[in-house]
N, C-alpha and C. Protein backbone atom coordinates (compact mmCIF):
# COMPACT_ATOMS: atom_id res chain seq x y z
N MET A 1 -22.71 -14.64 23.86
CA MET A 1 -22.15 -13.78 22.83
C MET A 1 -21.57 -14.65 21.72
N ASN A 2 -21.98 -14.39 20.49
CA ASN A 2 -21.45 -15.13 19.34
C ASN A 2 -20.11 -14.54 18.92
N THR A 3 -19.15 -15.40 18.75
CA THR A 3 -17.84 -14.97 18.29
C THR A 3 -17.73 -15.30 16.81
N LYS A 4 -17.38 -14.30 16.02
CA LYS A 4 -17.20 -14.52 14.59
C LYS A 4 -15.73 -14.79 14.32
N LYS A 5 -15.47 -15.70 13.42
CA LYS A 5 -14.10 -16.00 13.03
C LYS A 5 -13.91 -15.64 11.57
N PHE A 6 -12.81 -14.98 11.31
CA PHE A 6 -12.47 -14.62 9.95
C PHE A 6 -11.07 -15.11 9.66
N GLY A 7 -10.85 -15.52 8.45
CA GLY A 7 -9.52 -15.95 8.04
C GLY A 7 -9.04 -15.08 6.90
N TYR A 8 -7.75 -14.87 6.84
CA TYR A 8 -7.15 -14.10 5.77
C TYR A 8 -6.06 -14.94 5.15
N VAL A 9 -6.21 -15.22 3.88
CA VAL A 9 -5.24 -16.04 3.16
C VAL A 9 -4.67 -15.18 2.05
N ARG A 10 -3.34 -15.21 1.91
CA ARG A 10 -2.72 -14.36 0.91
C ARG A 10 -1.46 -15.03 0.39
N VAL A 11 -1.25 -14.93 -0.90
CA VAL A 11 0.01 -15.35 -1.50
C VAL A 11 0.59 -14.16 -2.24
N ILE A 12 1.90 -14.12 -2.34
CA ILE A 12 2.56 -12.97 -2.95
C ILE A 12 2.65 -13.11 -4.47
N SER A 13 2.89 -14.32 -4.93
CA SER A 13 3.03 -14.49 -6.37
C SER A 13 2.11 -15.61 -6.85
N LYS A 14 1.86 -15.60 -8.16
CA LYS A 14 0.92 -16.55 -8.74
C LYS A 14 1.40 -17.99 -8.67
N ASP A 15 2.71 -18.20 -8.53
CA ASP A 15 3.22 -19.57 -8.49
C ASP A 15 3.13 -20.18 -7.09
N GLN A 16 2.68 -19.40 -6.12
CA GLN A 16 2.50 -19.94 -4.77
C GLN A 16 1.11 -20.55 -4.65
N ASN A 17 0.95 -21.43 -3.66
CA ASN A 17 -0.31 -22.12 -3.46
C ASN A 17 -0.83 -21.80 -2.06
N GLU A 18 -2.09 -21.39 -2.00
CA GLU A 18 -2.67 -21.03 -0.71
C GLU A 18 -3.32 -22.21 -0.01
N GLY A 19 -3.19 -23.40 -0.55
CA GLY A 19 -3.84 -24.59 -0.01
C GLY A 19 -3.54 -24.85 1.46
N LYS A 20 -2.28 -24.74 1.85
CA LYS A 20 -1.89 -24.99 3.23
C LYS A 20 -2.54 -23.97 4.17
N GLN A 21 -2.60 -22.71 3.73
CA GLN A 21 -3.22 -21.67 4.55
C GLN A 21 -4.72 -21.94 4.73
N ILE A 22 -5.37 -22.33 3.65
CA ILE A 22 -6.81 -22.62 3.71
C ILE A 22 -7.08 -23.80 4.63
N ALA A 23 -6.24 -24.84 4.53
CA ALA A 23 -6.41 -26.01 5.40
C ALA A 23 -6.27 -25.61 6.87
N SER A 24 -5.30 -24.75 7.18
CA SER A 24 -5.12 -24.35 8.58
C SER A 24 -6.28 -23.50 9.07
N MET A 25 -6.88 -22.72 8.18
CA MET A 25 -8.07 -21.94 8.56
C MET A 25 -9.24 -22.87 8.87
N LYS A 26 -9.42 -23.88 8.04
CA LYS A 26 -10.52 -24.83 8.26
C LYS A 26 -10.34 -25.57 9.57
N GLU A 27 -9.07 -25.89 9.92
CA GLU A 27 -8.81 -26.56 11.20
C GLU A 27 -9.24 -25.70 12.38
N GLN A 28 -9.23 -24.40 12.20
CA GLN A 28 -9.64 -23.47 13.25
C GLN A 28 -11.15 -23.21 13.26
N GLY A 29 -11.86 -23.90 12.36
CA GLY A 29 -13.31 -23.73 12.30
C GLY A 29 -13.76 -22.54 11.48
N ILE A 30 -12.87 -22.03 10.67
CA ILE A 30 -13.22 -20.88 9.83
C ILE A 30 -13.72 -21.41 8.49
N GLU A 31 -14.92 -21.00 8.15
CA GLU A 31 -15.54 -21.44 6.90
C GLU A 31 -14.95 -20.65 5.74
N GLU A 32 -15.05 -21.21 4.55
CA GLU A 32 -14.60 -20.47 3.37
C GLU A 32 -15.49 -19.26 3.17
N ARG A 33 -14.89 -18.21 2.67
CA ARG A 33 -15.64 -16.96 2.45
C ARG A 33 -16.70 -17.17 1.39
N ASP A 34 -17.90 -16.64 1.64
CA ASP A 34 -18.93 -16.73 0.61
C ASP A 34 -19.60 -15.39 0.36
N MET A 35 -19.26 -14.36 1.13
CA MET A 35 -19.87 -13.05 0.94
C MET A 35 -18.84 -11.98 1.29
N LEU A 36 -18.66 -11.04 0.38
CA LEU A 36 -17.75 -9.93 0.62
C LEU A 36 -18.54 -8.63 0.53
N TYR A 37 -18.51 -7.87 1.62
CA TYR A 37 -19.10 -6.54 1.64
C TYR A 37 -17.97 -5.55 1.42
N ILE A 38 -18.19 -4.61 0.53
CA ILE A 38 -17.19 -3.59 0.26
C ILE A 38 -17.90 -2.25 0.16
N HIS A 39 -17.30 -1.23 0.75
CA HIS A 39 -17.97 0.07 0.80
C HIS A 39 -18.15 0.66 -0.60
N SER A 40 -17.09 0.64 -1.40
CA SER A 40 -17.12 1.31 -2.69
C SER A 40 -16.32 0.50 -3.70
N LEU A 41 -16.75 0.54 -4.93
CA LEU A 41 -16.13 -0.24 -6.00
C LEU A 41 -14.66 0.11 -6.19
N ASP A 42 -14.30 1.38 -6.00
CA ASP A 42 -12.92 1.78 -6.25
C ASP A 42 -11.93 1.19 -5.25
N ARG A 43 -12.41 0.53 -4.20
CA ARG A 43 -11.53 -0.14 -3.24
C ARG A 43 -10.89 -1.38 -3.85
N PHE A 44 -11.42 -1.86 -4.98
CA PHE A 44 -10.88 -3.06 -5.62
C PHE A 44 -9.58 -2.81 -6.38
N GLY A 45 -9.33 -1.58 -6.79
CA GLY A 45 -8.11 -1.34 -7.54
C GLY A 45 -7.97 0.10 -7.95
N ARG A 46 -6.82 0.38 -8.58
CA ARG A 46 -6.50 1.75 -8.96
C ARG A 46 -6.97 2.10 -10.37
N ASN A 47 -7.32 1.09 -11.13
CA ASN A 47 -7.78 1.38 -12.50
C ASN A 47 -8.84 0.34 -12.89
N LYS A 48 -9.43 0.57 -14.05
CA LYS A 48 -10.53 -0.28 -14.51
C LYS A 48 -10.13 -1.75 -14.57
N ASP A 49 -8.96 -2.03 -15.11
CA ASP A 49 -8.54 -3.42 -15.24
C ASP A 49 -8.37 -4.11 -13.89
N GLU A 50 -7.76 -3.41 -12.92
CA GLU A 50 -7.61 -4.00 -11.58
C GLU A 50 -8.96 -4.28 -10.95
N ILE A 51 -9.88 -3.34 -11.09
CA ILE A 51 -11.21 -3.51 -10.51
C ILE A 51 -11.91 -4.72 -11.14
N LEU A 52 -11.89 -4.78 -12.47
CA LEU A 52 -12.56 -5.89 -13.17
C LEU A 52 -11.90 -7.23 -12.85
N ASN A 53 -10.57 -7.24 -12.76
CA ASN A 53 -9.87 -8.49 -12.44
C ASN A 53 -10.23 -8.98 -11.04
N GLU A 54 -10.24 -8.07 -10.05
CA GLU A 54 -10.62 -8.44 -8.68
C GLU A 54 -12.04 -8.99 -8.67
N TRP A 55 -12.94 -8.30 -9.33
CA TRP A 55 -14.36 -8.71 -9.38
C TRP A 55 -14.47 -10.11 -9.97
N GLN A 56 -13.80 -10.33 -11.08
CA GLN A 56 -13.87 -11.64 -11.74
C GLN A 56 -13.28 -12.73 -10.86
N GLU A 57 -12.15 -12.45 -10.23
CA GLU A 57 -11.52 -13.46 -9.39
C GLU A 57 -12.44 -13.85 -8.23
N ILE A 58 -13.03 -12.85 -7.60
CA ILE A 58 -13.88 -13.13 -6.44
C ILE A 58 -15.17 -13.83 -6.84
N THR A 59 -15.81 -13.36 -7.90
CA THR A 59 -17.11 -13.94 -8.28
C THR A 59 -16.98 -15.23 -9.08
N LYS A 60 -15.96 -15.35 -9.90
CA LYS A 60 -15.86 -16.53 -10.78
C LYS A 60 -14.95 -17.61 -10.21
N GLN A 61 -13.77 -17.24 -9.73
CA GLN A 61 -12.83 -18.24 -9.24
C GLN A 61 -13.14 -18.65 -7.81
N ILE A 62 -13.30 -17.66 -6.92
CA ILE A 62 -13.59 -17.97 -5.53
C ILE A 62 -15.06 -18.34 -5.35
N LYS A 63 -15.88 -17.85 -6.26
CA LYS A 63 -17.33 -18.08 -6.26
C LYS A 63 -17.99 -17.48 -5.01
N ALA A 64 -17.51 -16.30 -4.66
CA ALA A 64 -18.11 -15.57 -3.54
C ALA A 64 -19.01 -14.49 -4.11
N ASP A 65 -19.99 -14.10 -3.32
CA ASP A 65 -20.85 -12.99 -3.71
C ASP A 65 -20.25 -11.69 -3.21
N ILE A 66 -20.55 -10.62 -3.90
CA ILE A 66 -20.07 -9.29 -3.52
C ILE A 66 -21.26 -8.37 -3.38
N ILE A 67 -21.23 -7.57 -2.32
CA ILE A 67 -22.22 -6.52 -2.14
C ILE A 67 -21.45 -5.21 -2.01
N VAL A 68 -21.65 -4.30 -2.97
CA VAL A 68 -21.03 -2.98 -2.93
C VAL A 68 -22.04 -2.06 -2.25
N LEU A 69 -21.69 -1.61 -1.05
CA LEU A 69 -22.64 -0.90 -0.20
C LEU A 69 -23.13 0.42 -0.78
N ASP A 70 -22.27 1.15 -1.48
CA ASP A 70 -22.72 2.43 -2.01
C ASP A 70 -23.28 2.33 -3.43
N MET A 71 -23.46 1.10 -3.94
CA MET A 71 -24.03 0.90 -5.27
C MET A 71 -24.87 -0.38 -5.27
N PRO A 72 -26.15 -0.26 -4.86
CA PRO A 72 -27.01 -1.44 -4.72
C PRO A 72 -27.15 -2.30 -5.98
N LEU A 73 -26.96 -1.71 -7.16
CA LEU A 73 -27.02 -2.52 -8.38
C LEU A 73 -25.90 -3.56 -8.45
N LEU A 74 -24.82 -3.30 -7.71
CA LEU A 74 -23.70 -4.24 -7.70
C LEU A 74 -23.79 -5.14 -6.46
N ASP A 75 -24.80 -5.98 -6.48
CA ASP A 75 -25.05 -6.94 -5.41
C ASP A 75 -25.26 -8.28 -6.11
N THR A 76 -24.25 -9.15 -6.05
CA THR A 76 -24.34 -10.40 -6.80
C THR A 76 -25.27 -11.42 -6.15
N THR A 77 -25.81 -11.11 -4.96
CA THR A 77 -26.78 -12.02 -4.36
C THR A 77 -28.15 -11.85 -5.01
N LYS A 78 -28.35 -10.73 -5.70
CA LYS A 78 -29.60 -10.44 -6.39
C LYS A 78 -29.36 -10.54 -7.89
N TYR A 79 -30.40 -10.44 -8.62
CA TYR A 79 -30.30 -10.36 -10.09
C TYR A 79 -29.50 -11.52 -10.68
N LYS A 80 -29.84 -12.74 -10.27
CA LYS A 80 -29.09 -13.92 -10.71
C LYS A 80 -29.46 -14.37 -12.12
N ASP A 81 -30.56 -13.85 -12.69
CA ASP A 81 -30.94 -14.25 -14.04
C ASP A 81 -30.03 -13.59 -15.07
N SER A 82 -30.16 -13.97 -16.34
CA SER A 82 -29.25 -13.47 -17.37
C SER A 82 -29.39 -11.96 -17.57
N MET A 83 -30.61 -11.42 -17.48
CA MET A 83 -30.80 -9.98 -17.64
C MET A 83 -30.15 -9.24 -16.46
N GLY A 84 -30.34 -9.75 -15.25
CA GLY A 84 -29.73 -9.13 -14.07
C GLY A 84 -28.21 -9.16 -14.15
N SER A 85 -27.66 -10.29 -14.59
CA SER A 85 -26.21 -10.40 -14.72
C SER A 85 -25.68 -9.43 -15.77
N PHE A 86 -26.44 -9.31 -16.87
CA PHE A 86 -26.05 -8.38 -17.93
C PHE A 86 -26.01 -6.94 -17.41
N ILE A 87 -27.05 -6.55 -16.67
CA ILE A 87 -27.13 -5.20 -16.12
C ILE A 87 -25.99 -4.97 -15.11
N SER A 88 -25.77 -5.95 -14.23
CA SER A 88 -24.68 -5.82 -13.25
C SER A 88 -23.33 -5.68 -13.94
N ASP A 89 -23.09 -6.50 -14.98
CA ASP A 89 -21.82 -6.41 -15.71
C ASP A 89 -21.66 -5.06 -16.40
N LEU A 90 -22.75 -4.55 -16.96
CA LEU A 90 -22.72 -3.25 -17.62
C LEU A 90 -22.43 -2.14 -16.60
N VAL A 91 -23.11 -2.17 -15.47
CA VAL A 91 -22.89 -1.18 -14.42
C VAL A 91 -21.45 -1.28 -13.92
N LEU A 92 -20.95 -2.50 -13.75
CA LEU A 92 -19.58 -2.71 -13.30
C LEU A 92 -18.59 -2.08 -14.28
N GLN A 93 -18.80 -2.31 -15.56
CA GLN A 93 -17.91 -1.73 -16.59
C GLN A 93 -17.91 -0.21 -16.52
N ILE A 94 -19.09 0.37 -16.45
CA ILE A 94 -19.21 1.83 -16.43
C ILE A 94 -18.59 2.40 -15.16
N LEU A 95 -18.94 1.83 -14.01
CA LEU A 95 -18.44 2.38 -12.75
C LEU A 95 -16.93 2.20 -12.60
N SER A 96 -16.41 1.08 -13.07
CA SER A 96 -14.96 0.89 -12.97
C SER A 96 -14.24 1.88 -13.88
N TRP A 97 -14.81 2.18 -15.03
CA TRP A 97 -14.24 3.19 -15.92
C TRP A 97 -14.28 4.55 -15.25
N MET A 98 -15.42 4.87 -14.61
CA MET A 98 -15.57 6.16 -13.93
C MET A 98 -14.57 6.28 -12.77
N ALA A 99 -14.36 5.20 -12.04
CA ALA A 99 -13.40 5.21 -10.93
C ALA A 99 -11.99 5.51 -11.45
N GLN A 100 -11.64 4.90 -12.56
CA GLN A 100 -10.32 5.13 -13.15
C GLN A 100 -10.20 6.58 -13.61
N GLU A 101 -11.22 7.11 -14.26
CA GLU A 101 -11.20 8.50 -14.72
C GLU A 101 -11.05 9.46 -13.55
N GLU A 102 -11.77 9.21 -12.47
CA GLU A 102 -11.69 10.07 -11.29
C GLU A 102 -10.30 10.02 -10.69
N ARG A 103 -9.71 8.84 -10.63
CA ARG A 103 -8.35 8.71 -10.09
C ARG A 103 -7.36 9.49 -10.94
N GLU A 104 -7.52 9.44 -12.26
CA GLU A 104 -6.63 10.18 -13.15
C GLU A 104 -6.80 11.68 -12.99
N ARG A 105 -8.05 12.14 -12.78
CA ARG A 105 -8.28 13.57 -12.54
C ARG A 105 -7.63 14.01 -11.23
N ILE A 106 -7.75 13.19 -10.20
CA ILE A 106 -7.14 13.51 -8.91
C ILE A 106 -5.62 13.59 -9.07
N ARG A 107 -5.06 12.63 -9.76
CA ARG A 107 -3.61 12.61 -9.97
C ARG A 107 -3.14 13.86 -10.73
N LYS A 108 -3.92 14.25 -11.74
CA LYS A 108 -3.58 15.43 -12.54
C LYS A 108 -3.63 16.69 -11.68
N ARG A 109 -4.70 16.84 -10.87
CA ARG A 109 -4.80 18.01 -10.00
C ARG A 109 -3.67 18.02 -8.97
N GLN A 110 -3.34 16.85 -8.46
CA GLN A 110 -2.24 16.75 -7.48
C GLN A 110 -0.93 17.19 -8.13
N ARG A 111 -0.66 16.70 -9.34
CA ARG A 111 0.57 17.05 -10.05
C ARG A 111 0.63 18.55 -10.29
N GLU A 112 -0.50 19.15 -10.70
CA GLU A 112 -0.55 20.59 -10.94
C GLU A 112 -0.23 21.35 -9.66
N GLY A 113 -0.80 20.90 -8.53
CA GLY A 113 -0.53 21.53 -7.24
C GLY A 113 0.93 21.43 -6.84
N ILE A 114 1.52 20.28 -7.06
CA ILE A 114 2.94 20.07 -6.74
C ILE A 114 3.81 20.98 -7.60
N ASP A 115 3.48 21.07 -8.89
CA ASP A 115 4.27 21.92 -9.80
C ASP A 115 4.22 23.38 -9.36
N VAL A 116 3.04 23.87 -8.98
CA VAL A 116 2.91 25.25 -8.50
C VAL A 116 3.72 25.44 -7.23
N ALA A 117 3.64 24.49 -6.32
CA ALA A 117 4.38 24.58 -5.06
C ALA A 117 5.88 24.61 -5.32
N LEU A 118 6.35 23.77 -6.22
CA LEU A 118 7.78 23.74 -6.53
C LEU A 118 8.24 25.07 -7.13
N LYS A 119 7.42 25.66 -8.02
CA LYS A 119 7.74 26.96 -8.61
C LYS A 119 7.82 28.04 -7.53
N ASN A 120 7.02 27.87 -6.46
CA ASN A 120 7.02 28.84 -5.37
C ASN A 120 8.07 28.53 -4.30
N GLY A 121 8.92 27.55 -4.57
CA GLY A 121 10.03 27.26 -3.67
C GLY A 121 9.72 26.32 -2.52
N VAL A 122 8.58 25.67 -2.54
CA VAL A 122 8.26 24.73 -1.47
C VAL A 122 9.16 23.50 -1.59
N GLN A 123 9.72 23.08 -0.47
CA GLN A 123 10.57 21.89 -0.44
C GLN A 123 9.74 20.70 0.03
N PHE A 124 9.83 19.59 -0.67
CA PHE A 124 9.12 18.38 -0.30
C PHE A 124 10.10 17.38 0.30
N GLY A 125 9.56 16.46 1.06
CA GLY A 125 10.38 15.41 1.66
C GLY A 125 10.93 15.83 3.00
N ARG A 126 11.68 14.93 3.59
CA ARG A 126 12.28 15.21 4.89
C ARG A 126 13.39 16.24 4.74
N PRO A 127 13.54 17.08 5.75
CA PRO A 127 14.68 18.01 5.69
C PRO A 127 15.99 17.22 5.78
N GLN A 128 16.99 17.71 5.10
CA GLN A 128 18.29 17.03 5.11
C GLN A 128 18.94 17.20 6.48
N ALA A 129 19.46 16.13 7.00
CA ALA A 129 20.15 16.18 8.30
C ALA A 129 21.48 16.88 8.12
N GLU A 130 21.80 17.72 9.06
CA GLU A 130 23.07 18.43 9.04
C GLU A 130 23.93 17.93 10.20
N PRO A 131 25.23 17.89 10.00
CA PRO A 131 26.11 17.44 11.08
C PRO A 131 26.05 18.39 12.29
N THR A 132 25.72 17.86 13.42
CA THR A 132 25.69 18.63 14.67
C THR A 132 27.07 18.61 15.30
N PRO A 133 27.31 19.48 16.26
CA PRO A 133 28.62 19.43 16.96
C PRO A 133 28.85 18.06 17.62
N GLU A 134 27.77 17.47 18.15
CA GLU A 134 27.88 16.14 18.78
C GLU A 134 28.29 15.09 17.74
N PHE A 135 27.71 15.21 16.53
CA PHE A 135 28.07 14.28 15.46
C PHE A 135 29.54 14.47 15.09
N GLN A 136 29.94 15.73 14.92
CA GLN A 136 31.34 16.02 14.53
C GLN A 136 32.32 15.39 15.51
N THR A 137 32.07 15.55 16.80
CA THR A 137 32.95 15.00 17.83
C THR A 137 32.98 13.47 17.75
N ALA A 138 31.78 12.86 17.68
CA ALA A 138 31.69 11.40 17.61
C ALA A 138 32.33 10.87 16.34
N TYR A 139 32.14 11.58 15.23
CA TYR A 139 32.72 11.17 13.94
C TYR A 139 34.25 11.14 14.02
N LYS A 140 34.82 12.18 14.60
CA LYS A 140 36.29 12.25 14.71
C LYS A 140 36.82 11.10 15.56
N LYS A 141 36.14 10.81 16.68
CA LYS A 141 36.56 9.69 17.53
C LYS A 141 36.44 8.36 16.80
N TRP A 142 35.33 8.20 16.08
CA TRP A 142 35.11 6.95 15.33
C TRP A 142 36.16 6.79 14.24
N LYS A 143 36.42 7.87 13.52
CA LYS A 143 37.38 7.83 12.42
C LYS A 143 38.79 7.51 12.94
N ALA A 144 39.11 7.99 14.12
CA ALA A 144 40.42 7.73 14.72
C ALA A 144 40.50 6.33 15.33
N GLY A 145 39.38 5.61 15.34
CA GLY A 145 39.36 4.26 15.89
C GLY A 145 39.25 4.23 17.40
N GLU A 146 38.88 5.36 18.00
CA GLU A 146 38.76 5.43 19.45
C GLU A 146 37.46 4.81 19.97
N ILE A 147 36.41 4.85 19.16
CA ILE A 147 35.11 4.29 19.56
C ILE A 147 34.51 3.52 18.39
N THR A 148 33.55 2.66 18.71
CA THR A 148 32.84 1.90 17.68
C THR A 148 31.77 2.78 17.06
N ALA A 149 31.22 2.32 15.93
CA ALA A 149 30.14 3.07 15.28
C ALA A 149 28.93 3.15 16.20
N THR A 150 28.62 2.07 16.90
CA THR A 150 27.47 2.07 17.82
C THR A 150 27.67 3.11 18.92
N ALA A 151 28.88 3.19 19.46
CA ALA A 151 29.17 4.19 20.49
C ALA A 151 29.08 5.60 19.91
N ALA A 152 29.54 5.77 18.67
CA ALA A 152 29.48 7.09 18.03
C ALA A 152 28.03 7.51 17.80
N ILE A 153 27.19 6.56 17.43
CA ILE A 153 25.77 6.85 17.22
C ILE A 153 25.14 7.31 18.52
N GLU A 154 25.45 6.60 19.59
CA GLU A 154 24.92 6.98 20.91
C GLU A 154 25.44 8.35 21.33
N GLU A 155 26.71 8.56 21.12
CA GLU A 155 27.32 9.84 21.52
C GLU A 155 26.74 11.01 20.70
N ALA A 156 26.47 10.74 19.43
CA ALA A 156 25.89 11.78 18.56
C ALA A 156 24.42 12.02 18.88
N GLY A 157 23.79 11.03 19.53
CA GLY A 157 22.38 11.18 19.92
C GLY A 157 21.44 11.19 18.73
N MET A 158 21.69 10.30 17.78
CA MET A 158 20.83 10.26 16.58
C MET A 158 20.54 8.83 16.18
N LYS A 159 19.61 8.71 15.24
CA LYS A 159 19.26 7.39 14.74
C LYS A 159 20.40 6.84 13.90
N ARG A 160 20.46 5.53 13.85
CA ARG A 160 21.50 4.84 13.09
C ARG A 160 21.50 5.28 11.62
N THR A 161 20.29 5.33 11.01
CA THR A 161 20.21 5.70 9.58
C THR A 161 20.69 7.13 9.36
N THR A 162 20.34 8.04 10.27
CA THR A 162 20.79 9.43 10.14
C THR A 162 22.31 9.51 10.27
N PHE A 163 22.85 8.79 11.23
CA PHE A 163 24.30 8.77 11.44
C PHE A 163 25.02 8.32 10.16
N TYR A 164 24.54 7.21 9.56
CA TYR A 164 25.22 6.70 8.37
C TYR A 164 25.02 7.59 7.16
N LYS A 165 23.90 8.29 7.06
CA LYS A 165 23.71 9.26 5.97
C LYS A 165 24.73 10.39 6.11
N LEU A 166 24.88 10.88 7.33
CA LEU A 166 25.86 11.95 7.56
C LEU A 166 27.28 11.45 7.37
N LEU A 167 27.53 10.22 7.75
CA LEU A 167 28.85 9.62 7.55
C LEU A 167 29.20 9.58 6.06
N LYS A 168 28.25 9.17 5.28
CA LYS A 168 28.44 9.11 3.82
C LYS A 168 28.70 10.51 3.27
N LYS A 169 27.94 11.48 3.77
CA LYS A 169 28.10 12.86 3.33
C LYS A 169 29.50 13.38 3.69
N MET A 170 29.96 13.09 4.90
CA MET A 170 31.28 13.53 5.36
C MET A 170 32.39 12.91 4.50
N LYS A 171 32.26 11.62 4.22
CA LYS A 171 33.27 10.93 3.40
C LYS A 171 33.33 11.55 2.00
N ALA A 172 32.16 11.87 1.44
CA ALA A 172 32.12 12.48 0.10
C ALA A 172 32.77 13.85 0.12
N GLU A 173 32.50 14.64 1.16
CA GLU A 173 33.12 15.97 1.27
C GLU A 173 34.63 15.87 1.42
N GLU A 174 35.09 14.87 2.17
CA GLU A 174 36.52 14.69 2.36
C GLU A 174 37.20 14.29 1.08
N GLN A 175 36.52 13.49 0.26
CA GLN A 175 37.11 13.06 -1.01
C GLN A 175 37.19 14.21 -2.00
N GLU A 176 36.21 15.13 -1.92
CA GLU A 176 36.21 16.27 -2.82
C GLU A 176 37.34 17.25 -2.47
N ALA A 177 37.69 17.28 -1.19
CA ALA A 177 38.70 18.27 -0.73
C ALA A 177 40.11 17.87 -1.07
């Protein structure tokens, strides 16, 4: 059975250097990437510029070939002559523009749906946590210094973040009173 090895190298900002990561991949017998298969062009980014930038970085800087599975014209292993490159670049420009337009249409329809739902009283997001009797009891003990916050959280039977959200809410209500 042949085992394939893949490496993933990533830097967060442009001022970082991926050299150390690449060297460690090579030590593991992982070859540099030379072919990227991608299902659809829109996987490269959310808009035309992101798509074109990714394409340029991979084909020009990394010097890897790209095969877009759902668009055979976007296969950099073929059409290596100047006419083929011209056609591929033209198709890339058009399709990346179309991907951006489709994303904007989806966003617009989504916004319209959300607006209608809000007008109809639909609530979005997590429901607001309300103080339970267990929380009230634990809160009073904690406030009196009888138990620690960790013990109060356990006694209230809730997550730490929920406990502190309710704690903040209780303090605000007390200040208003």
